[in-house]
Amino acid sequence: MNDKLTSITARVITAEKDIYDVKTRVSDLESNCQGTSNIFDEVKKKTDYLEKGFDKIKEDYLRLDTSRCRIAEDLIKVERENNDMKTKLTDIQCRAMKYNLIFTGLSEHRDENIEDKLRRFLYHEMKIDQRIEFSNVHRFGRRSENENSSYCIGDPFNEIEHELLMFSSDHSYICLLGDFNARTGEDLDFTEVTYDEFSGMFDLNDVSLNTLASSNINILRKSMDKKKNNFGNIFLHLCRANNLFMCNGRIGDDKDKGQFTCKNVSVVDYVIGSANFLTLLQNFFYS
């Protein structure tokens, strides 16, 4: 009987130990479950935070996408306006430059219309559709001796004289130089007065001649080209009417010579100026 009680007691003690172990394990398991629950809560909290962040990023993306579309529309509008401004600027430049357009490399043909040639060049070569209104069209540089060539369209001497009248009223020093296609021989470029009763009418001319003489500048000029052409007569009239004198054959190393300026056979390039201007020159020659 005692043995049975002892056996039962031992079993009860073992059972109690087992129960204790189970309770300990259950407690540990509960602790682990609580830790897992805490981790899950933390993960859920972070997930909720990330979802909110993603929602904000999505909103920002949608806003940026809207802004991008608006910017793209604005860029298209700006590009359209830019192209329109380029067209207008080209037109303004063409209009503003109608008095000083210079073209090179255009071949010359007999009886050509240089203005039409320029328009074709602008349209075909430079791709300019706008029509440019030319006031006058001139060729310049080396040319043929033909007075009727396309180097001059219109009456350039009248235009030159008009400009001279405007400038000479305010300026004492006047100078023109270039290729005038004018052969003047050795004719006088000033009006010679031979009768005393008319001398009072040409006081200005006398003053200019006296200015030249006082500066040891020849009154009479020389020229190796003894021939004249129609442009030469007009050019001489321009000088006489506006009290201008040729430097050729009169000043510096060209004094008493009047060297040829074109193909070693003619003088068509000149420097002309007021008497006051000529007194400033230290030398003059053609090479």
Protein backbone atom coordinates (compact mmCIF):
# COMPACT_ATOMS: atom_id res chain seq x y z
CA MET A 1 0.00 0.00 0.00
CA ASN A 2 2.84 2.30 0.89
CA ASP A 3 4.56 1.40 -2.34
CA LYS A 4 1.48 2.35 -4.34
CA LEU A 5 1.21 5.66 -2.50
CA THR A 6 4.86 6.33 -3.13
CA SER A 7 4.40 5.52 -6.79
CA ILE A 8 1.34 7.74 -7.08
CA THR A 9 3.16 10.55 -5.26
CA ALA A 10 6.11 10.25 -7.66
CA ARG A 11 3.75 10.35 -10.59
CA VAL A 12 1.95 13.40 -9.20
CA ILE A 13 5.31 15.15 -8.71
CA THR A 14 6.31 14.25 -12.29
CA ALA A 15 2.96 15.46 -13.55
CA GLU A 16 3.36 18.70 -11.64
CA LYS A 17 6.81 19.16 -13.19
CA ASP A 18 5.39 18.47 -16.61
CA ILE A 19 2.56 20.91 -15.99
CA TYR A 20 5.07 23.48 -14.83
CA ASP A 21 7.15 22.91 -17.93
CA VAL A 22 4.04 23.23 -20.08
CA LYS A 23 3.06 26.44 -18.30
CA THR A 24 6.59 27.76 -18.80
CA ARG A 25 6.49 26.88 -22.48
CA VAL A 26 3.02 28.38 -22.83
CA SER A 27 4.25 31.53 -21.12
CA ASP A 28 7.25 31.67 -23.44
CA LEU A 29 4.99 31.05 -26.38
CA GLU A 30 2.67 33.84 -25.26
CA SER A 31 5.69 36.11 -24.89
CA ASN A 32 6.86 35.14 -28.37
CA CYS A 33 3.37 35.70 -29.73
CA GLN A 34 3.28 39.13 -28.08
CA GLY A 35 6.65 39.94 -29.60
CA THR A 36 5.42 38.76 -32.98
CA SER A 37 2.28 40.83 -32.51
CA ASN A 38 4.39 43.85 -31.64
CA ILE A 39 6.54 43.28 -34.74
CA PHE A 40 3.42 42.87 -36.85
CA ASP A 41 2.01 46.09 -35.43
CA GLU A 42 5.30 47.86 -36.20
CA VAL A 43 5.32 46.43 -39.72
CA LYS A 44 1.71 47.45 -40.19
CA LYS A 45 2.50 50.94 -38.93
CA LYS A 46 5.41 51.24 -41.36
CA THR A 47 3.31 49.78 -44.14
CA ASP A 48 0.59 52.33 -43.48
CA TYR A 49 3.27 55.07 -43.48
CA LEU A 50 4.67 53.80 -46.78
CA GLU A 51 1.20 53.61 -48.29
CA LYS A 52 0.63 57.22 -47.31
CA GLY A 53 4.04 58.07 -48.80
CA PHE A 54 3.17 56.23 -52.01
CA ASP A 55 -0.16 58.02 -52.16
CA LYS A 56 1.67 61.36 -51.83
CA ILE A 57 4.19 60.33 -54.47
CA LYS A 58 1.32 59.32 -56.74
CA GLU A 59 -0.35 62.69 -56.18
CA ASP A 60 2.96 64.47 -56.85
CA TYR A 61 3.47 62.40 -60.00
CA LEU A 62 0.00 63.22 -61.23
CA ARG A 63 0.61 66.88 -60.48
CA LEU A 64 4.00 66.76 -62.23
CA ASP A 65 2.45 64.94 -65.18
CA THR A 66 -0.17 67.65 -65.42
CA SER A 67 2.54 70.30 -65.21
CA ARG A 68 4.57 68.44 -67.85
CA CYS A 69 1.61 68.41 -70.22
CA ARG A 70 1.03 72.10 -69.58
CA ILE A 71 4.74 72.85 -70.14
CA ALA A 72 4.67 70.82 -73.36
CA GLU A 73 1.72 72.87 -74.56
CA ASP A 74 3.52 76.07 -73.56
CA LEU A 75 6.66 74.94 -75.42
CA ILE A 76 4.62 74.27 -78.54
CA LYS A 77 3.09 77.72 -78.19
CA VAL A 78 6.51 79.32 -77.59
CA GLU A 79 7.96 77.49 -80.59
CA ARG A 80 5.07 78.68 -82.74
CA GLU A 81 5.55 82.25 -81.50
CA ASN A 82 9.31 81.95 -82.01
CA ASN A 83 8.85 80.86 -85.60
CA ASP A 84 6.43 83.71 -86.11
CA MET A 85 8.94 86.15 -84.59
CA LYS A 86 11.70 84.77 -86.82
CA THR A 87 9.52 85.37 -89.85
CA LYS A 88 8.73 88.90 -88.70
CA LEU A 89 12.39 89.55 -87.81
CA THR A 90 13.50 88.37 -91.24
CA ASP A 91 10.95 90.68 -92.80
CA ILE A 92 12.10 93.60 -90.61
CA GLN A 93 15.76 92.89 -91.41
CA CYS A 94 14.98 92.72 -95.08
CA ARG A 95 13.10 96.01 -94.92
CA ALA A 96 15.78 97.66 -92.78
CA MET A 97 18.60 96.51 -95.04
CA LYS A 98 17.09 97.55 -98.33
CA TYR A 99 19.57 100.44 -98.60
CA ASN A 100 22.75 98.48 -97.81
CA LEU A 101 22.45 94.95 -99.18
CA ILE A 102 25.72 93.78 -100.75
CA PHE A 103 25.99 90.61 -102.84
CA THR A 104 29.10 89.11 -104.38
CA GLY A 105 29.76 86.49 -107.00
CA LEU A 106 26.87 87.43 -109.30
CA SER A 107 28.01 87.06 -112.88
CA GLU A 108 27.28 89.87 -115.32
CA HIS A 109 25.47 89.32 -118.61
CA ARG A 110 24.70 91.68 -121.39
CA ASP A 111 21.35 93.50 -121.12
CA GLU A 112 20.65 91.80 -117.78
CA ASN A 113 18.11 93.07 -115.27
CA ILE A 114 20.21 93.12 -112.12
CA GLU A 115 17.21 93.71 -109.84
CA ASP A 116 15.42 90.62 -111.16
CA LYS A 117 18.65 88.67 -110.83
CA LEU A 118 18.92 89.70 -107.17
CA ARG A 119 15.33 88.70 -106.48
CA ARG A 120 15.91 85.26 -108.01
CA PHE A 121 19.11 84.93 -105.96
CA LEU A 122 17.30 85.82 -102.72
CA TYR A 123 14.49 83.38 -103.44
CA HIS A 124 16.43 80.38 -104.80
CA GLU A 125 19.77 80.64 -103.02
CA MET A 126 18.95 82.34 -99.71
CA LYS A 127 15.40 80.94 -99.36
CA ILE A 128 13.92 84.36 -98.53
CA ASP A 129 10.27 84.49 -99.59
CA GLN A 130 9.65 88.09 -98.54
CA ARG A 131 9.74 90.62 -101.32
CA ILE A 132 12.41 93.23 -100.67
CA GLU A 133 11.77 96.65 -102.14
CA PHE A 134 14.99 98.00 -103.66
CA SER A 135 15.41 101.74 -103.93
CA ASN A 136 18.33 101.49 -106.36
CA VAL A 137 20.50 98.64 -107.55
CA HIS A 138 24.15 99.16 -108.50
CA ARG A 139 27.05 96.97 -109.46
CA PHE A 140 30.46 98.02 -108.19
CA GLY A 141 34.00 96.79 -108.55
CA ARG A 142 35.86 96.11 -111.77
CA ARG A 143 33.63 96.50 -114.77
CA SER A 144 33.49 96.86 -118.51
CA GLU A 145 33.85 100.27 -120.11
CA ASN A 146 30.28 100.15 -121.37
CA GLU A 147 28.36 103.09 -119.89
CA ASN A 148 25.08 101.29 -120.43
CA SER A 149 26.09 98.22 -118.42
CA SER A 150 24.06 97.14 -115.40
CA TYR A 151 26.58 98.71 -113.02
CA CYS A 152 24.23 101.61 -112.88
CA ILE A 153 20.44 101.54 -112.89
CA GLY A 154 18.77 104.89 -112.41
CA ASP A 155 20.73 108.13 -111.95
CA PRO A 156 23.33 107.70 -109.17
CA PHE A 157 24.86 111.14 -109.71
CA ASN A 158 21.60 112.84 -108.82
CA GLU A 159 21.45 110.77 -105.64
CA ILE A 160 25.06 111.64 -104.81
CA GLU A 161 24.39 115.33 -105.36
CA HIS A 162 21.31 115.14 -103.17
CA GLU A 163 23.37 113.61 -100.34
CA LEU A 164 26.08 116.23 -100.85
CA LEU A 165 23.61 119.07 -100.48
CA MET A 166 22.46 117.65 -97.15
CA PHE A 167 25.95 117.13 -95.73
CA SER A 168 27.71 120.20 -97.11
CA SER A 169 25.35 122.54 -95.24
CA ASP A 170 26.78 121.34 -91.92
CA HIS A 171 30.27 120.10 -92.84
CA SER A 172 33.30 121.76 -94.42
CA TYR A 173 35.25 118.55 -95.02
CA ILE A 174 33.60 116.47 -97.74
CA CYS A 175 35.13 113.42 -99.44
CA LEU A 176 33.86 110.91 -102.00
CA LEU A 177 35.87 108.03 -103.41
CA GLY A 178 35.24 105.03 -105.57
CA ASP A 179 34.73 103.80 -109.12
CA PHE A 180 32.48 106.31 -110.88
CA ASN A 181 32.92 104.80 -114.39
CA ALA A 182 33.69 108.36 -115.47
CA ARG A 183 36.48 109.32 -117.88
CA THR A 184 37.13 113.04 -117.56
CA GLY A 185 40.32 113.64 -119.55
CA GLU A 186 42.01 116.77 -118.21
CA ASP A 187 38.95 119.01 -118.25
CA LEU A 188 38.58 121.53 -115.45
CA ASP A 189 36.69 120.29 -112.41
CA PHE A 190 35.91 123.87 -111.36
CA THR A 191 34.25 126.83 -113.08
CA GLU A 192 36.75 129.20 -114.63
CA VAL A 193 35.70 132.85 -114.54
CA THR A 194 37.25 135.00 -117.24
CA TYR A 195 35.22 138.21 -116.95
CA ASP A 196 35.56 140.57 -114.02
CA GLU A 197 31.89 141.51 -114.10
CA PHE A 198 30.94 137.94 -113.15
CA SER A 199 33.58 137.42 -110.49
CA GLY A 200 31.29 138.43 -107.62
CA MET A 201 28.98 135.54 -108.50
CA PHE A 202 31.72 132.99 -107.84
CA ASP A 203 33.21 134.14 -104.57
CA LEU A 204 32.89 130.66 -103.06
CA ASN A 205 34.77 129.12 -105.97
CA ASP A 206 37.52 131.74 -105.66
CA VAL A 207 37.87 131.02 -101.93
CA SER A 208 38.29 127.31 -102.65
CA LEU A 209 40.89 127.94 -105.34
CA ASN A 210 42.76 130.27 -103.02
CA THR A 211 42.67 127.56 -100.33
CA LEU A 212 44.28 125.10 -102.75
CA ALA A 213 46.90 127.61 -103.88
CA SER A 214 47.82 128.56 -100.31
CA SER A 215 48.45 124.87 -99.54
CA ASN A 216 50.65 124.47 -102.64
CA ILE A 217 48.08 122.26 -104.35
CA ASN A 218 47.92 122.43 -108.12
CA ILE A 219 44.92 124.29 -109.47
CA LEU A 220 45.11 122.32 -112.71
CA ARG A 221 45.21 118.55 -112.59
CA LYS A 222 46.85 116.07 -114.93
CA SER A 223 45.64 112.70 -116.24
CA MET A 224 47.19 109.94 -118.29
CA ASP A 225 43.69 109.24 -119.64
CA LYS A 226 42.93 111.93 -122.22
CA LYS A 227 39.51 110.55 -123.18
CA LYS A 228 36.08 111.44 -121.85
CA ASN A 229 32.75 109.64 -121.77
CA ASN A 230 29.20 110.68 -120.93
CA PHE A 231 29.61 109.78 -117.27
CA GLY A 232 32.77 111.89 -117.26
CA ASN A 233 30.79 114.99 -118.30
CA ILE A 234 28.21 114.32 -115.60
CA PHE A 235 30.94 113.74 -113.04
CA LEU A 236 32.68 117.00 -113.96
CA HIS A 237 29.37 118.83 -113.60
CA LEU A 238 28.95 117.25 -110.15
CA CYS A 239 32.35 118.58 -109.09
CA ARG A 240 31.78 122.07 -110.48
CA ALA A 241 28.27 122.44 -109.08
CA ASN A 242 29.29 121.34 -105.59
CA ASN A 243 32.75 122.93 -105.38
CA LEU A 244 34.58 119.59 -105.20
CA PHE A 245 38.07 118.90 -106.54
CA MET A 246 39.74 115.70 -107.75
CA CYS A 247 42.81 114.46 -105.93
CA ASN A 248 43.89 112.44 -108.99
CA GLY A 249 46.76 114.14 -110.83
CA ARG A 250 46.83 116.96 -108.31
CA ILE A 251 48.24 115.79 -104.96
CA GLY A 252 51.18 113.80 -103.58
CA ASP A 253 52.89 111.12 -105.63
CA ASP A 254 50.15 111.36 -108.26
CA LYS A 255 50.76 115.08 -108.75
CA ASP A 256 51.21 115.99 -112.44
CA LYS A 257 50.64 112.32 -113.35
CA GLY A 258 47.06 111.09 -112.96
CA GLN A 259 47.89 107.37 -113.09
CA PHE A 260 45.60 104.91 -114.87
CA THR A 261 43.19 103.18 -112.46
CA CYS A 262 41.53 100.61 -114.72
CA LYS A 263 43.31 98.00 -116.85
CA ASN A 264 46.17 100.46 -117.36
CA VAL A 265 44.16 102.26 -120.04
CA SER A 266 41.71 104.58 -118.26
CA VAL A 267 41.02 106.63 -115.16
CA VAL A 268 37.60 105.86 -113.68
CA ASP A 269 38.41 105.67 -109.93
CA TYR A 270 38.58 108.98 -108.11
CA VAL A 271 38.96 110.64 -104.76
CA ILE A 272 37.17 114.00 -104.72
CA GLY A 273 36.62 116.40 -101.88
CA SER A 274 36.17 119.96 -100.72
CA ALA A 275 39.18 122.28 -100.78
CA ASN A 276 39.39 122.10 -96.98
CA PHE A 277 39.57 118.31 -97.16
CA LEU A 278 42.34 118.34 -99.79
CA THR A 279 44.53 120.48 -97.52
CA LEU A 280 44.51 117.66 -94.94
CA LEU A 281 46.00 115.07 -97.31
CA GLN A 282 49.68 114.33 -96.87
CA ASN A 283 49.99 112.06 -99.91
CA PHE A 284 47.95 110.51 -102.68
CA PHE A 285 48.83 107.78 -105.17
CA TYR A 286 47.24 104.86 -107.00
CA SER A 287 48.81 101.39 -107.03
